[in-house]
Amino acid sequence: MEQQEIWDAETAQRYDTPGSGMFAPEVLGPTVERLAELAGGGSVVEFAIGTGRVAVPLAERGVRVAGIELSPAMLEQLRAKVDEETVPVVLGDMTTAVVPGEHSLVYLVFNTISNLLTQAEQVACFRNAARHLAPGGRFVIELWVPELRALPPGRTATVWQSEPGYIGLDTYDVLRQHVVSHHFHFDGPGDDDRRQARLFRTPHRYIWPAELDLMAQLAGFEPESRHADWQGAEFTAESRSHVSVYRLPQR
């Protein structure tokens, strides 16, 4: 399935969950705070800007934010919040589309680089980030760590979240380095006491941190930092995700 088909109008309308999930203040607040710090007063570009979950509050802090977005439906939801002058967006693929100008920061949050399903596309994303940056500029990626250690022989799936009304599980194809995330949402009981379920699936190509570092090197970046979250917690062998910062050399 093409990414444009996944991120359609129905998905875009359901995407925002104000005050909860990835929109919860304890999740979004540290993200925006850290990105504003890394921008250092310069302009920034968000790859796969979506509905503006991060870009809108970042712009409200006075940071000059632009974006690239593949899905017209997601962009339509963003436009209901802010206009083109406040957060300009180029409609296109984050591996090739270009936001004019020279910027201090490019960022890609919430595992989105894994939406690119080949290694070549992921490397192209790094190279496109480098094209946007001034010397010394930074590229920031938030990405989950593949739970390969939870896969004994013969097992291809892991449940990574289970709570009332929601189950999230991943199915792995370790030969192709692909994973499909399955999101099951359960509505309240109907008249016949049966709960209605909705399934949303997204394909990914997972990346081990060391492979991500090599992609950065191929695009001319140097590693600057890696933490387990946006608040700077130590990244360890048990960390389930990471925030990695890469930087272009000064000329």
Protein backbone atom coordinates (compact mmCIF):
# COMPACT_ATOMS: atom_id res chain seq x y z
CA MET A 1 0.00 0.00 0.00
CA GLU A 2 1.28 3.48 -0.88
CA GLN A 3 1.81 5.95 1.95
CA GLN A 4 -0.75 8.33 0.40
CA GLU A 5 -3.36 5.58 0.73
CA ILE A 6 -2.50 4.95 4.38
CA TRP A 7 -2.63 8.60 5.41
CA ASP A 8 -6.02 9.26 3.81
CA ALA A 9 -8.82 11.64 4.83
CA GLU A 10 -10.34 9.25 7.38
CA THR A 11 -6.97 8.63 9.06
CA ALA A 12 -6.12 12.33 9.06
CA GLN A 13 -9.42 13.18 10.76
CA ARG A 14 -8.76 10.62 13.51
CA TYR A 15 -5.06 11.41 13.91
CA ASP A 16 -5.17 14.13 16.55
CA THR A 17 -5.89 13.08 20.13
CA PRO A 18 -5.66 16.39 22.02
CA GLY A 19 -4.33 15.98 25.53
CA SER A 20 -3.66 12.25 25.29
CA GLY A 21 -1.28 9.77 23.63
CA MET A 22 1.44 11.53 21.68
CA PHE A 23 -0.48 14.80 22.16
CA ALA A 24 -0.24 14.54 25.96
CA PRO A 25 1.56 17.54 27.54
CA GLU A 26 4.17 15.28 29.15
CA VAL A 27 5.02 13.87 25.69
CA LEU A 28 4.70 16.96 23.52
CA GLY A 29 6.13 19.52 25.95
CA PRO A 30 9.67 18.07 26.21
CA THR A 31 9.74 17.46 22.44
CA VAL A 32 9.00 21.08 21.62
CA GLU A 33 11.33 22.35 24.35
CA ARG A 34 14.29 20.32 23.09
CA LEU A 35 13.71 21.19 19.42
CA ALA A 36 13.50 24.89 20.22
CA GLU A 37 16.80 24.59 22.06
CA LEU A 38 18.48 22.75 19.17
CA ALA A 39 17.20 25.32 16.64
CA GLY A 40 19.32 27.95 18.36
CA GLY A 41 17.25 30.81 17.00
CA GLY A 42 17.45 29.63 13.38
CA SER A 43 14.74 28.37 11.05
CA VAL A 44 13.72 24.70 11.10
CA VAL A 45 12.17 22.17 8.74
CA GLU A 46 10.00 19.25 9.80
CA PHE A 47 9.98 16.26 7.46
CA ALA A 48 6.52 14.60 7.39
CA ILE A 49 4.94 17.50 9.24
CA GLY A 50 1.52 15.82 9.31
CA THR A 51 -1.23 17.69 11.14
CA GLY A 52 1.28 19.92 12.91
CA ARG A 53 1.41 18.12 16.25
CA VAL A 54 4.93 19.45 16.86
CA ALA A 55 5.20 22.28 14.34
CA VAL A 56 2.26 24.32 15.61
CA PRO A 57 3.39 24.60 19.26
CA LEU A 58 6.97 25.15 18.05
CA ALA A 59 5.78 28.06 15.88
CA GLU A 60 3.83 29.42 18.84
CA ARG A 61 7.17 29.65 20.67
CA GLY A 62 8.43 31.97 17.95
CA VAL A 63 10.49 29.38 16.04
CA ARG A 64 10.33 29.75 12.25
CA VAL A 65 8.97 26.40 11.10
CA ALA A 66 8.39 25.04 7.60
CA GLY A 67 7.58 21.51 6.54
CA ILE A 68 7.36 18.79 3.94
CA GLU A 69 4.29 16.53 3.80
CA LEU A 70 3.29 13.76 1.41
CA SER A 71 -0.40 13.50 2.33
CA PRO A 72 -2.82 16.23 1.17
CA ALA A 73 -5.33 14.98 3.77
CA MET A 74 -2.87 15.46 6.65
CA LEU A 75 -1.93 18.89 5.30
CA GLU A 76 -5.61 19.85 5.19
CA GLN A 77 -5.87 19.16 8.93
CA LEU A 78 -2.80 21.32 9.54
CA ARG A 79 -4.32 24.14 7.54
CA ALA A 80 -7.35 24.11 9.84
CA LYS A 81 -4.93 25.17 12.63
CA VAL A 82 -2.49 27.58 10.96
CA ASP A 83 -2.17 29.27 7.59
CA GLU A 84 0.57 28.97 4.98
CA GLU A 85 2.28 32.15 6.14
CA THR A 86 2.62 30.86 9.71
CA VAL A 87 3.85 27.36 8.77
CA PRO A 88 4.68 27.03 5.05
CA VAL A 89 4.61 23.47 3.71
CA VAL A 90 5.91 21.87 0.53
CA LEU A 91 3.69 19.00 -0.63
CA GLY A 92 6.00 16.13 -1.58
CA ASP A 93 8.28 13.27 -0.56
CA MET A 94 10.77 13.89 2.25
CA THR A 95 13.49 12.13 0.25
CA THR A 96 13.39 14.69 -2.58
CA ALA A 97 11.19 17.74 -1.82
CA VAL A 98 13.02 20.92 -0.83
CA VAL A 99 12.02 23.83 1.38
CA PRO A 100 13.81 26.95 0.07
CA GLY A 101 16.51 28.53 2.20
CA GLU A 102 19.27 27.39 4.52
CA HIS A 103 18.18 26.17 7.94
CA SER A 104 19.67 25.38 11.34
CA LEU A 105 17.62 22.26 12.08
CA VAL A 106 15.73 19.49 10.31
CA TYR A 107 13.76 17.06 12.46
CA LEU A 108 11.83 13.84 11.92
CA VAL A 109 9.82 12.61 14.90
CA PHE A 110 7.77 9.64 16.10
CA ASN A 111 9.42 6.86 14.05
CA THR A 112 8.51 8.43 10.73
CA ILE A 113 11.78 7.66 8.92
CA SER A 114 10.73 4.00 9.11
CA ASN A 115 7.77 4.79 6.84
CA LEU A 116 10.36 4.73 4.06
CA LEU A 117 10.44 1.05 3.16
CA THR A 118 13.90 0.68 1.61
CA GLN A 119 17.38 1.39 2.87
CA ALA A 120 18.05 3.51 -0.23
CA GLU A 121 15.07 5.77 0.55
CA GLN A 122 16.17 6.16 4.16
CA VAL A 123 19.69 7.17 3.07
CA ALA A 124 18.13 9.61 0.58
CA CYS A 125 16.18 11.15 3.47
CA PHE A 126 19.44 11.84 5.33
CA ARG A 127 20.96 13.37 2.22
CA ASN A 128 17.90 15.56 1.70
CA ALA A 129 18.16 16.75 5.31
CA ALA A 130 21.80 17.68 4.67
CA ARG A 131 20.78 19.71 1.60
CA HIS A 132 18.52 21.86 3.80
CA LEU A 133 21.10 22.68 6.46
CA ALA A 134 23.66 25.40 6.92
CA PRO A 135 27.17 24.32 8.00
CA GLY A 136 26.92 23.13 11.59
CA GLY A 137 23.20 22.43 11.19
CA ARG A 138 21.54 19.50 12.93
CA PHE A 139 19.29 16.61 11.91
CA VAL A 140 17.23 15.09 14.74
CA ILE A 141 15.49 11.72 14.52
CA GLU A 142 13.15 10.10 17.04
CA LEU A 143 12.95 6.36 16.44
CA TRP A 144 11.99 3.16 18.21
CA VAL A 145 14.45 0.33 18.83
CA PRO A 146 13.32 -2.90 17.11
CA GLU A 147 12.28 -5.46 19.71
CA LEU A 148 14.19 -8.28 18.05
CA ARG A 149 15.25 -9.79 21.37
CA ALA A 150 11.57 -10.49 22.07
CA LEU A 151 11.33 -12.77 19.03
CA PRO A 152 12.27 -16.38 19.89
CA PRO A 153 12.58 -18.84 16.97
CA GLY A 154 9.26 -19.32 15.21
CA ARG A 155 7.63 -16.21 16.66
CA THR A 156 6.96 -13.27 14.37
CA ALA A 157 4.91 -10.85 16.50
CA THR A 158 5.25 -8.76 19.65
CA VAL A 159 2.53 -6.96 21.61
CA TRP A 160 3.99 -3.60 22.56
CA GLN A 161 0.96 -2.00 24.18
CA SER A 162 -2.24 -3.33 25.71
CA GLU A 163 -4.74 -1.16 27.57
CA PRO A 164 -8.53 -0.73 27.74
CA GLY A 165 -9.77 0.15 24.28
CA TYR A 166 -6.45 -0.42 22.51
CA ILE A 167 -3.99 -3.17 21.55
CA GLY A 168 -0.83 -2.51 19.54
CA LEU A 169 1.25 -5.29 18.04
CA ASP A 170 4.03 -5.59 15.48
CA THR A 171 4.61 -8.43 13.02
CA TYR A 172 8.20 -8.83 11.83
CA ASP A 173 9.75 -9.98 8.58
CA VAL A 174 13.38 -10.23 9.69
CA LEU A 175 14.59 -11.30 6.24
CA ARG A 176 13.51 -8.02 4.64
CA GLN A 177 13.84 -5.95 7.83
CA HIS A 178 10.18 -5.02 7.63
CA VAL A 179 7.57 -4.70 10.34
CA VAL A 180 3.85 -4.00 10.18
CA SER A 181 2.29 -2.19 13.13
CA HIS A 182 -1.29 -3.23 13.87
CA HIS A 183 -3.39 -0.80 15.91
CA PHE A 184 -6.65 -2.25 17.26
CA HIS A 185 -9.08 0.31 18.69
CA PHE A 186 -12.18 -0.93 20.51
CA ASP A 187 -15.30 1.22 20.83
CA GLY A 188 -17.70 1.02 23.74
CA PRO A 189 -20.27 -1.81 23.91
CA GLY A 190 -23.11 -1.64 21.40
CA ASP A 191 -26.75 -2.51 21.91
CA ASP A 192 -25.86 -6.20 21.84
CA ASP A 193 -22.97 -5.73 24.32
CA ARG A 194 -20.40 -6.48 21.62
CA ARG A 195 -17.50 -4.07 21.21
CA GLN A 196 -16.75 -2.75 17.74
CA ALA A 197 -13.10 -2.84 16.64
CA ARG A 198 -11.17 -0.73 14.13
CA LEU A 199 -7.86 -1.86 12.68
CA PHE A 200 -5.24 0.55 11.35
CA ARG A 201 -2.00 -0.88 9.93
CA THR A 202 1.24 0.80 8.92
CA PRO A 203 4.26 -0.82 7.22
CA HIS A 204 7.79 0.13 8.26
CA ARG A 205 11.42 -0.70 7.60
CA TYR A 206 13.07 -0.91 10.99
CA ILE A 207 16.55 0.47 11.58
CA TRP A 208 19.01 -0.56 14.27
CA PRO A 209 20.79 2.48 15.83
CA ALA A 210 24.17 1.48 14.38
CA GLU A 211 22.69 1.35 10.87
CA LEU A 212 21.16 4.79 11.42
CA ASP A 213 24.60 6.13 12.33
CA LEU A 214 26.04 4.73 9.10
CA MET A 215 23.29 6.41 7.08
CA ALA A 216 24.19 9.68 8.76
CA GLN A 217 27.87 9.20 7.90
CA LEU A 218 27.03 8.54 4.23
CA ALA A 219 25.20 11.89 4.14
CA GLY A 220 28.10 13.79 5.69
CA PHE A 221 26.82 14.02 9.28
CA GLU A 222 28.70 13.47 12.51
CA PRO A 223 26.95 12.02 15.60
CA GLU A 224 26.38 14.58 18.34
CA SER A 225 24.18 12.86 20.94
CA ARG A 226 21.77 10.00 21.58
CA HIS A 227 19.32 9.84 24.47
CA ALA A 228 16.44 7.59 25.43
CA ASP A 229 13.92 10.45 25.33
CA TRP A 230 13.52 14.17 24.71
CA GLN A 231 14.40 14.99 28.32
CA GLY A 232 17.91 13.58 27.97
CA ALA A 233 17.62 10.24 29.76
CA GLU A 234 20.57 7.91 29.24
CA PHE A 235 20.28 5.57 26.26
CA THR A 236 20.92 1.98 27.35
CA ALA A 237 20.53 -1.56 26.05
CA GLU A 238 17.04 -1.58 27.59
CA SER A 239 15.83 1.65 25.95
CA ARG A 240 12.81 1.17 23.70
CA SER A 241 13.40 4.32 21.65
CA HIS A 242 15.95 7.07 21.12
CA VAL A 243 16.39 10.67 20.09
CA SER A 244 19.52 10.93 17.95
CA VAL A 245 21.14 14.22 16.96
CA TYR A 246 23.50 14.46 13.98
CA ARG A 247 25.41 17.52 12.89
CA LEU A 248 27.07 18.76 9.72
CA PRO A 249 30.68 19.88 10.13
CA GLN A 250 31.43 23.60 10.19
CA ARG A 251 33.20 24.71 7.04
